[in-house]
Structures are given as C-alpha cells and as structure tokens.
C-alpha cells in the first residue's frame, strides 16, 4: 500500500490518510491610536499557520492504540516534525515543520476483548518557525522531495 505522506516518523498509508486537511493562515496588525481620528493599522507579521488533520486509523494498517500513543508521545515531548505529502520518489512535497498542539480521539471501534479496531484522530498542528541553534526532527525528506510552493492568490483586490 502506498504512503499518503508522513509527519515526522509517523507515516500515513493511503487508506489511513487524512479524511480532511484544513489549513488556517493570517497576518497580524498593530493598531495605533490617533487623537480625534480613527486609529491606523500597520502590518506587523504573518501568523504561524495552523493545520488540522482528521485521520481514521484502522487495525489493518497496524495496532491503532500504539499509533495513537506514538503521536501522543511526539506531542508530549514537543517534537518538531517534518510534514511530507507523498513519500514516493519524485512525487513528495516537503510542507514545512510543525508541532502537534492538540489531539482528539473519537469514534472508537473495539473488538471483543477491548482492543481498538479503529479510531478517528484529529491532530492540531502549528507551524514551527525555525530558530538558530535548535535541533529539529532527525527524519529528513527523501532526496526527491521538493519544497512545497507557496500558494498564490489571484483575483481582484489582491496584490
């Protein structure tokens, strides 16, 4: 079965790839008060991007509880994780570095005896802005992986 991609050392197969992937981005503005007039605004910086992955883990791809625990360990240990879409040589995109900020596990399906057969996991990610001197994930993108291009917004009212 081919890979959907990876978050650090956590590789997602096509069958257990995200059911949904939502990306949030924005910019911040400083507001400056002016006497007798409306305040002005000044752009200060881009916000860190946020992403939510909703993934259905299934026992046919490995032990569900162990997979969830491995993701939780990455979150609890504040790991900086490389996000790669597509692991196949020549088709992967390096989508930056992220940290897991929240996880929510829903819709447990258990087999007799109590083992988890499947579960949906919502993983909240926040973009990691690299700072000098910090060690990041030891996992490196495959040699054929290319940086993901920034999205361009075209249309009336946009620069």
N, C-alpha and C. Protein backbone atom coordinates (compact mmCIF):
# COMPACT_ATOMS: atom_id res chain seq x y z
N UNK A 1 0.85 -1.18 0.00
CA UNK A 1 0.00 0.00 0.00
C UNK A 1 0.89 1.24 0.00
N UNK A 2 0.58 2.21 -0.82
CA UNK A 2 1.44 3.40 -0.93
C UNK A 2 1.18 4.38 0.21
N UNK A 3 2.16 5.25 0.41
CA UNK A 3 2.10 6.20 1.51
C UNK A 3 1.40 7.48 1.07
N UNK A 4 0.56 8.03 1.98
CA UNK A 4 -0.03 9.35 1.75
C UNK A 4 1.01 10.42 2.04
N UNK A 5 1.81 10.16 3.06
CA UNK A 5 2.82 11.12 3.49
C UNK A 5 3.27 10.78 4.90
N UNK A 6 3.94 11.75 5.53
CA UNK A 6 4.48 11.50 6.86
C UNK A 6 4.51 12.78 7.67
N UNK A 7 4.38 12.61 8.97
CA UNK A 7 4.54 13.68 9.94
C UNK A 7 5.63 13.19 10.88
N UNK A 8 6.86 13.67 10.66
CA UNK A 8 8.00 13.14 11.42
C UNK A 8 8.18 11.68 11.06
N UNK A 9 8.25 10.82 12.07
CA UNK A 9 8.39 9.38 11.85
C UNK A 9 7.06 8.66 11.68
N UNK A 10 5.96 9.38 11.72
CA UNK A 10 4.63 8.79 11.61
C UNK A 10 4.22 8.81 10.14
N UNK A 11 4.26 7.64 9.51
CA UNK A 11 3.94 7.51 8.09
C UNK A 11 2.48 7.10 7.96
N UNK A 12 1.74 7.84 7.11
CA UNK A 12 0.33 7.54 6.89
C UNK A 12 0.17 6.84 5.55
N UNK A 13 -0.51 5.71 5.56
CA UNK A 13 -0.81 4.97 4.33
C UNK A 13 -2.03 5.61 3.67
N UNK A 14 -2.22 5.33 2.39
CA UNK A 14 -3.36 5.91 1.66
C UNK A 14 -4.67 5.61 2.38
N UNK A 15 -4.85 4.38 2.82
CA UNK A 15 -6.11 4.00 3.47
C UNK A 15 -6.33 4.79 4.75
N UNK A 16 -5.23 5.12 5.46
CA UNK A 16 -5.40 5.85 6.71
C UNK A 16 -4.94 7.31 6.59
N UNK A 17 -4.84 7.78 5.35
CA UNK A 17 -4.51 9.19 5.15
C UNK A 17 -5.64 10.06 5.68
N UNK A 18 -5.38 11.33 5.83
CA UNK A 18 -6.39 12.21 6.42
C UNK A 18 -7.71 12.20 5.66
N UNK A 19 -8.81 12.12 6.43
CA UNK A 19 -10.15 12.27 5.85
C UNK A 19 -10.35 13.73 5.48
N UNK A 20 -9.72 14.61 6.26
CA UNK A 20 -9.77 16.03 5.94
C UNK A 20 -8.47 16.67 6.37
N UNK A 21 -8.15 17.76 5.70
CA UNK A 21 -6.93 18.51 5.99
C UNK A 21 -7.30 19.98 5.85
N UNK A 22 -7.28 20.71 6.95
CA UNK A 22 -7.68 22.11 6.95
C UNK A 22 -6.48 22.98 7.32
N UNK A 23 -6.29 24.06 6.58
CA UNK A 23 -5.17 24.96 6.81
C UNK A 23 -5.69 26.35 7.12
N UNK A 24 -5.16 26.96 8.18
CA UNK A 24 -5.55 28.31 8.59
C UNK A 24 -4.30 29.19 8.56
N UNK A 25 -4.43 30.36 7.93
CA UNK A 25 -3.31 31.29 7.87
C UNK A 25 -3.83 32.71 8.04
N UNK A 26 -2.95 33.64 8.36
CA UNK A 26 -3.38 35.02 8.54
C UNK A 26 -2.20 35.93 8.80
N UNK A 27 -2.51 37.20 9.02
CA UNK A 27 -1.50 38.20 9.34
C UNK A 27 -1.97 39.00 10.56
N UNK A 28 -1.02 39.62 11.25
CA UNK A 28 -1.34 40.46 12.40
C UNK A 28 -1.08 41.91 12.08
N UNK A 29 -1.86 42.78 12.72
CA UNK A 29 -1.72 44.22 12.55
C UNK A 29 -1.62 44.89 13.92
N UNK A 30 -0.80 45.90 14.01
CA UNK A 30 -0.74 46.74 15.21
C UNK A 30 -1.66 47.93 14.97
N UNK A 31 -2.40 48.30 16.00
CA UNK A 31 -3.31 49.44 15.88
C UNK A 31 -2.71 50.63 16.62
N UNK A 32 -2.67 51.79 15.96
CA UNK A 32 -2.08 53.00 16.54
C UNK A 32 -3.18 54.04 16.75
N UNK A 33 -3.36 54.45 18.01
CA UNK A 33 -4.38 55.46 18.34
C UNK A 33 -3.95 56.83 17.83
N UNK A 34 -4.94 57.60 17.38
CA UNK A 34 -4.67 58.98 16.95
C UNK A 34 -5.70 59.88 17.62
N UNK A 35 -5.28 61.01 18.09
CA UNK A 35 -6.17 61.93 18.80
C UNK A 35 -7.17 62.53 17.82
N UNK A 36 -8.45 62.36 18.17
CA UNK A 36 -9.51 62.97 17.37
C UNK A 36 -9.79 62.29 16.04
N UNK A 37 -9.15 61.19 15.75
CA UNK A 37 -9.37 60.48 14.48
C UNK A 37 -9.39 58.97 14.73
N UNK A 38 -9.84 58.28 13.72
CA UNK A 38 -9.83 56.81 13.81
C UNK A 38 -8.38 56.33 13.88
N UNK A 39 -8.15 55.20 14.57
CA UNK A 39 -6.78 54.68 14.63
C UNK A 39 -6.33 54.17 13.26
N UNK A 40 -5.04 54.04 13.10
CA UNK A 40 -4.47 53.45 11.89
C UNK A 40 -3.95 52.07 12.23
N UNK A 41 -3.72 51.28 11.20
CA UNK A 41 -3.19 49.94 11.39
C UNK A 41 -1.90 49.79 10.60
N UNK A 42 -1.04 48.96 11.15
CA UNK A 42 0.24 48.68 10.49
C UNK A 42 0.46 47.17 10.51
N UNK A 43 0.73 46.59 9.35
CA UNK A 43 1.01 45.16 9.29
C UNK A 43 2.28 44.87 10.07
N UNK A 44 2.23 43.84 10.93
CA UNK A 44 3.41 43.50 11.73
C UNK A 44 4.08 42.22 11.27
N UNK A 45 3.31 41.19 10.95
CA UNK A 45 3.92 39.92 10.53
C UNK A 45 2.84 38.92 10.15
N UNK A 46 3.28 37.88 9.47
CA UNK A 46 2.39 36.76 9.20
C UNK A 46 2.24 35.94 10.47
N UNK A 47 1.07 35.37 10.67
CA UNK A 47 0.86 34.45 11.80
C UNK A 47 1.42 33.08 11.43
N UNK A 48 1.69 32.30 12.44
CA UNK A 48 2.06 30.91 12.20
C UNK A 48 0.84 30.19 11.65
N UNK A 49 1.05 29.37 10.63
CA UNK A 49 -0.06 28.61 10.06
C UNK A 49 -0.49 27.53 11.04
N UNK A 50 -1.77 27.19 10.95
CA UNK A 50 -2.33 26.10 11.76
C UNK A 50 -2.99 25.11 10.81
N UNK A 51 -2.90 23.83 11.16
CA UNK A 51 -3.48 22.79 10.32
C UNK A 51 -4.18 21.77 11.20
N UNK A 52 -5.28 21.25 10.69
CA UNK A 52 -5.95 20.14 11.36
C UNK A 52 -6.02 18.97 10.40
N UNK A 53 -5.52 17.83 10.84
CA UNK A 53 -5.64 16.59 10.08
C UNK A 53 -6.63 15.70 10.81
N UNK A 54 -7.57 15.14 10.11
CA UNK A 54 -8.50 14.18 10.68
C UNK A 54 -8.20 12.84 10.02
N UNK A 55 -7.70 11.89 10.81
CA UNK A 55 -7.20 10.63 10.27
C UNK A 55 -7.96 9.46 10.90
N UNK A 56 -8.41 8.53 10.06
CA UNK A 56 -9.04 7.31 10.55
C UNK A 56 -7.98 6.22 10.59
N UNK A 57 -7.61 5.80 11.79
CA UNK A 57 -6.64 4.71 11.95
C UNK A 57 -7.41 3.41 12.05
N UNK A 58 -6.89 2.40 11.35
CA UNK A 58 -7.57 1.11 11.25
C UNK A 58 -6.58 0.00 11.54
N UNK A 59 -7.03 -1.06 12.17
CA UNK A 59 -6.17 -2.17 12.58
C UNK A 59 -5.50 -2.87 11.40
N UNK A 60 -6.04 -2.76 10.20
CA UNK A 60 -5.40 -3.40 9.05
C UNK A 60 -4.06 -2.76 8.71
N UNK A 61 -3.80 -1.55 9.23
CA UNK A 61 -2.53 -0.86 8.98
C UNK A 61 -1.59 -0.90 10.17
N UNK A 62 -1.93 -1.67 11.17
CA UNK A 62 -1.09 -1.75 12.37
C UNK A 62 -1.90 -1.47 13.62
N UNK A 63 -1.30 -1.70 14.78
CA UNK A 63 -2.03 -1.52 16.04
C UNK A 63 -2.44 -0.05 16.25
N UNK A 64 -3.74 0.18 16.34
CA UNK A 64 -4.28 1.53 16.45
C UNK A 64 -3.83 2.21 17.74
N UNK A 65 -3.92 1.51 18.86
CA UNK A 65 -3.53 2.11 20.15
C UNK A 65 -2.07 2.53 20.16
N UNK A 66 -1.20 1.72 19.57
CA UNK A 66 0.23 2.05 19.53
C UNK A 66 0.48 3.27 18.63
N UNK A 67 -0.26 3.37 17.54
CA UNK A 67 -0.12 4.51 16.63
C UNK A 67 -0.54 5.80 17.33
N UNK A 68 -1.67 5.76 18.02
CA UNK A 68 -2.16 6.93 18.75
C UNK A 68 -1.17 7.31 19.85
N UNK A 69 -0.66 6.31 20.56
CA UNK A 69 0.31 6.58 21.64
C UNK A 69 1.60 7.19 21.09
N UNK A 70 2.04 6.75 19.92
CA UNK A 70 3.26 7.31 19.32
C UNK A 70 3.06 8.78 18.96
N UNK A 71 1.89 9.12 18.42
CA UNK A 71 1.58 10.52 18.12
C UNK A 71 1.52 11.35 19.40
N UNK A 72 0.90 10.78 20.43
CA UNK A 72 0.82 11.49 21.72
C UNK A 72 2.21 11.72 22.30
N UNK A 73 3.08 10.73 22.17
CA UNK A 73 4.44 10.88 22.67
C UNK A 73 5.16 12.02 21.95
N UNK A 74 4.98 12.11 20.63
CA UNK A 74 5.58 13.21 19.87
C UNK A 74 5.07 14.55 20.38
N UNK A 75 3.78 14.62 20.70
CA UNK A 75 3.20 15.85 21.22
C UNK A 75 3.75 16.15 22.62
N UNK A 76 3.75 15.15 23.50
CA UNK A 76 4.20 15.33 24.88
C UNK A 76 5.68 15.69 24.98
N UNK A 77 6.47 15.24 24.00
CA UNK A 77 7.90 15.52 24.02
C UNK A 77 8.26 16.74 23.16
N UNK A 78 7.24 17.50 22.74
CA UNK A 78 7.43 18.75 22.00
C UNK A 78 8.28 18.56 20.74
N UNK A 79 8.09 17.45 20.06
CA UNK A 79 8.89 17.17 18.87
C UNK A 79 8.53 18.11 17.72
N UNK A 80 9.54 18.54 16.99
CA UNK A 80 9.36 19.33 15.77
C UNK A 80 9.36 18.33 14.63
N UNK A 81 8.27 18.27 13.87
CA UNK A 81 8.07 17.22 12.89
C UNK A 81 8.01 17.77 11.47
N UNK A 82 8.72 17.12 10.56
CA UNK A 82 8.65 17.46 9.14
C UNK A 82 7.34 16.90 8.58
N UNK A 83 6.60 17.71 7.83
CA UNK A 83 5.39 17.24 7.17
C UNK A 83 5.71 17.04 5.70
N UNK A 84 5.50 15.82 5.23
CA UNK A 84 5.78 15.48 3.84
C UNK A 84 4.51 14.89 3.24
N UNK A 85 4.08 15.44 2.12
CA UNK A 85 2.94 14.91 1.38
C UNK A 85 3.49 14.00 0.29
N UNK A 86 3.20 12.72 0.37
CA UNK A 86 3.65 11.77 -0.64
C UNK A 86 5.08 11.36 -0.42
N UNK A 87 5.32 10.10 -0.17
CA UNK A 87 6.67 9.60 0.08
C UNK A 87 7.29 8.95 -1.15
N UNK A 88 6.50 8.75 -2.21
CA UNK A 88 7.04 8.08 -3.37
C UNK A 88 8.12 8.95 -3.99
N UNK A 89 9.25 8.35 -4.42
CA UNK A 89 10.33 9.14 -5.01
C UNK A 89 9.84 10.00 -6.17
N UNK A 90 10.21 11.28 -6.11
CA UNK A 90 9.85 12.19 -7.19
C UNK A 90 8.48 12.83 -7.07
N UNK A 91 7.65 12.37 -6.13
CA UNK A 91 6.31 12.95 -6.04
C UNK A 91 6.04 13.62 -4.70
N UNK A 92 6.98 13.57 -3.77
CA UNK A 92 6.74 14.13 -2.45
C UNK A 92 6.99 15.62 -2.38
N UNK A 93 6.29 16.29 -1.46
CA UNK A 93 6.49 17.71 -1.20
C UNK A 93 6.76 17.91 0.28
N UNK A 94 7.83 18.60 0.59
CA UNK A 94 8.15 18.97 1.96
C UNK A 94 7.27 20.17 2.30
N UNK A 95 6.38 20.03 3.27
CA UNK A 95 5.40 21.07 3.61
C UNK A 95 5.75 21.79 4.90
N UNK A 96 7.03 21.81 5.27
CA UNK A 96 7.45 22.57 6.44
C UNK A 96 7.54 21.73 7.71
N UNK A 97 7.84 22.44 8.79
CA UNK A 97 7.97 21.79 10.09
C UNK A 97 6.82 22.24 10.98
N UNK A 98 6.32 21.29 11.76
CA UNK A 98 5.12 21.52 12.55
C UNK A 98 5.29 20.89 13.93
N UNK A 99 4.50 21.38 14.89
CA UNK A 99 4.41 20.76 16.21
C UNK A 99 2.94 20.38 16.42
N UNK A 100 2.73 19.29 17.16
CA UNK A 100 1.37 18.87 17.50
C UNK A 100 0.96 19.64 18.75
N UNK A 101 -0.14 20.40 18.65
CA UNK A 101 -0.60 21.18 19.80
C UNK A 101 -1.76 20.51 20.52
N UNK A 102 -2.57 19.75 19.81
CA UNK A 102 -3.73 19.07 20.41
C UNK A 102 -4.03 17.80 19.63
N UNK A 103 -4.61 16.84 20.33
CA UNK A 103 -5.11 15.63 19.69
C UNK A 103 -6.46 15.29 20.31
N UNK A 104 -7.38 14.85 19.47
CA UNK A 104 -8.69 14.43 19.95
C UNK A 104 -9.00 13.09 19.29
N UNK A 105 -9.28 12.08 20.10
CA UNK A 105 -9.57 10.74 19.59
C UNK A 105 -11.07 10.50 19.73
N UNK A 106 -11.71 10.12 18.61
CA UNK A 106 -13.16 9.94 18.58
C UNK A 106 -13.52 8.61 17.92
N UNK A 107 -14.78 8.23 18.09
CA UNK A 107 -15.37 7.10 17.38
C UNK A 107 -14.55 5.82 17.49
N UNK A 108 -14.23 5.46 18.71
CA UNK A 108 -13.52 4.20 18.93
C UNK A 108 -14.40 3.03 18.48
N UNK A 109 -13.79 2.09 17.80
CA UNK A 109 -14.46 0.84 17.46
C UNK A 109 -13.58 -0.26 18.04
N UNK A 110 -14.14 -1.08 18.90
CA UNK A 110 -13.34 -2.10 19.59
C UNK A 110 -13.80 -3.51 19.21
N UNK A 111 -12.87 -4.43 19.27
CA UNK A 111 -13.18 -5.83 19.04
C UNK A 111 -13.46 -6.48 20.39
N UNK A 112 -14.08 -7.67 20.39
CA UNK A 112 -14.27 -8.36 21.67
C UNK A 112 -12.92 -8.52 22.37
N UNK A 113 -12.87 -8.19 23.61
CA UNK A 113 -11.62 -8.23 24.36
C UNK A 113 -11.10 -6.83 24.63
N UNK A 114 -11.66 -5.82 23.92
CA UNK A 114 -11.34 -4.43 24.22
C UNK A 114 -10.30 -3.76 23.35
N UNK A 115 -9.60 -4.50 22.49
CA UNK A 115 -8.58 -3.87 21.63
C UNK A 115 -9.24 -2.90 20.65
N UNK A 116 -8.59 -1.78 20.40
CA UNK A 116 -9.14 -0.78 19.48
C UNK A 116 -8.94 -1.27 18.05
N UNK A 117 -10.04 -1.35 17.30
CA UNK A 117 -10.01 -1.80 15.92
C UNK A 117 -9.85 -0.61 14.97
N UNK A 118 -10.52 0.51 15.30
CA UNK A 118 -10.37 1.74 14.52
C UNK A 118 -10.73 2.93 15.39
N UNK A 119 -10.19 4.08 15.03
CA UNK A 119 -10.48 5.32 15.73
C UNK A 119 -10.14 6.49 14.83
N UNK A 120 -10.92 7.55 14.95
CA UNK A 120 -10.64 8.78 14.21
C UNK A 120 -9.87 9.71 15.14
N UNK A 121 -8.76 10.25 14.63
CA UNK A 121 -7.91 11.13 15.43
C UNK A 121 -7.82 12.49 14.73
N UNK A 122 -8.16 13.54 15.46
CA UNK A 122 -7.99 14.90 14.95
C UNK A 122 -6.70 15.44 15.54
N UNK A 123 -5.78 15.79 14.66
CA UNK A 123 -4.45 16.25 15.07
C UNK A 123 -4.34 17.73 14.72
N UNK A 124 -4.15 18.58 15.74
CA UNK A 124 -3.96 20.01 15.53
C UNK A 124 -2.47 20.29 15.45
N UNK A 125 -2.06 20.95 14.37
CA UNK A 125 -0.66 21.28 14.16
C UNK A 125 -0.47 22.79 14.11
N UNK A 126 0.70 23.25 14.53
CA UNK A 126 1.07 24.65 14.37
C UNK A 126 2.44 24.69 13.71
N UNK A 127 2.56 25.59 12.74
CA UNK A 127 3.81 25.74 12.01
C UNK A 127 4.94 26.08 12.97
N UNK A 128 6.10 25.50 12.73
CA UNK A 128 7.28 25.78 13.54
C UNK A 128 8.14 26.78 12.81
N UNK A 129 8.39 27.92 13.44
CA UNK A 129 9.28 28.92 12.87
C UNK A 129 10.67 28.63 13.40
N UNK A 130 11.54 28.20 12.53
CA UNK A 130 12.87 27.75 12.92
C UNK A 130 13.69 28.88 13.56
N UNK A 131 14.33 28.55 14.67
CA UNK A 131 15.23 29.49 15.33
C UNK A 131 16.63 28.89 15.33
N UNK A 132 17.62 29.74 15.35
CA UNK A 132 19.01 29.28 15.33
C UNK A 132 19.32 28.42 16.56
N UNK A 133 20.11 27.36 16.35
CA UNK A 133 20.61 26.55 17.46
C UNK A 133 19.67 25.47 17.97
N UNK A 134 18.48 25.32 17.39
CA UNK A 134 17.56 24.29 17.86
C UNK A 134 17.70 23.04 17.00
N UNK A 135 17.64 21.88 17.64
CA UNK A 135 17.69 20.62 16.90
C UNK A 135 16.29 20.25 16.48
N UNK A 136 16.10 19.89 15.23
CA UNK A 136 14.79 19.52 14.73
C UNK A 136 14.72 18.02 14.52
N UNK A 137 13.59 17.55 14.04
CA UNK A 137 13.37 16.14 13.80
C UNK A 137 14.56 15.52 13.05
N UNK A 138 14.97 14.33 13.46
CA UNK A 138 16.10 13.66 12.82
C UNK A 138 15.71 13.12 11.44
N UNK A 139 14.43 12.98 11.20
CA UNK A 139 13.95 12.46 9.92
C UNK A 139 14.13 13.51 8.85
N UNK A 140 14.64 13.13 7.72
CA UNK A 140 14.86 14.06 6.62
C UNK A 140 14.00 13.65 5.43
N UNK A 141 13.58 14.61 4.64
CA UNK A 141 12.78 14.26 3.47
C UNK A 141 13.59 13.39 2.50
N UNK A 142 12.92 12.50 1.79
CA UNK A 142 13.61 11.72 0.77
C UNK A 142 14.29 12.66 -0.22
N UNK A 143 15.37 12.23 -0.87
CA UNK A 143 16.13 13.10 -1.76
C UNK A 143 15.30 13.74 -2.87
N UNK A 144 14.27 13.05 -3.34
CA UNK A 144 13.48 13.57 -4.45
C UNK A 144 12.39 14.56 -4.01
N UNK A 145 12.22 14.77 -2.70
CA UNK A 145 11.17 15.66 -2.21
C UNK A 145 11.54 17.11 -2.51
N UNK A 146 10.56 17.85 -3.02
CA UNK A 146 10.78 19.25 -3.35
C UNK A 146 10.00 20.12 -2.36
N UNK A 147 10.52 21.33 -2.03
CA UNK A 147 9.75 22.22 -1.16
C UNK A 147 8.40 22.54 -1.80
N UNK A 148 7.35 22.59 -0.98
CA UNK A 148 6.03 22.91 -1.47
C UNK A 148 5.97 24.39 -1.81
N UNK A 149 5.52 24.75 -3.01
CA UNK A 149 5.47 26.17 -3.38
C UNK A 149 4.40 26.89 -2.57
N UNK A 150 4.64 28.18 -2.31
CA UNK A 150 3.65 28.99 -1.60
C UNK A 150 2.45 29.20 -2.52
N UNK A 151 1.28 29.21 -1.94
CA UNK A 151 0.06 29.42 -2.73
C UNK A 151 -0.01 30.86 -3.17
N UNK A 152 -0.47 31.07 -4.38
CA UNK A 152 -0.66 32.42 -4.90
C UNK A 152 -2.15 32.70 -4.96
N UNK A 153 -2.54 33.87 -4.47
CA UNK A 153 -3.94 34.28 -4.55
C UNK A 153 -4.03 35.29 -5.67
N UNK A 154 -4.86 34.97 -6.64
CA UNK A 154 -5.02 35.87 -7.78
C UNK A 154 -6.47 36.31 -7.85
N UNK A 155 -6.66 37.50 -8.33
CA UNK A 155 -8.01 37.99 -8.50
C UNK A 155 -8.11 39.44 -8.12
N UNK A 156 -9.28 39.98 -8.27
CA UNK A 156 -9.49 41.39 -7.99
C UNK A 156 -9.31 41.67 -6.51
N UNK A 157 -8.60 42.70 -6.20
CA UNK A 157 -8.42 43.11 -4.80
C UNK A 157 -7.19 42.51 -4.15
N UNK A 158 -6.48 41.61 -4.83
CA UNK A 158 -5.29 41.00 -4.28
C UNK A 158 -4.07 41.49 -5.03
N UNK A 159 -2.96 41.62 -4.32
CA UNK A 159 -1.72 42.07 -4.95
C UNK A 159 -1.02 40.91 -5.60
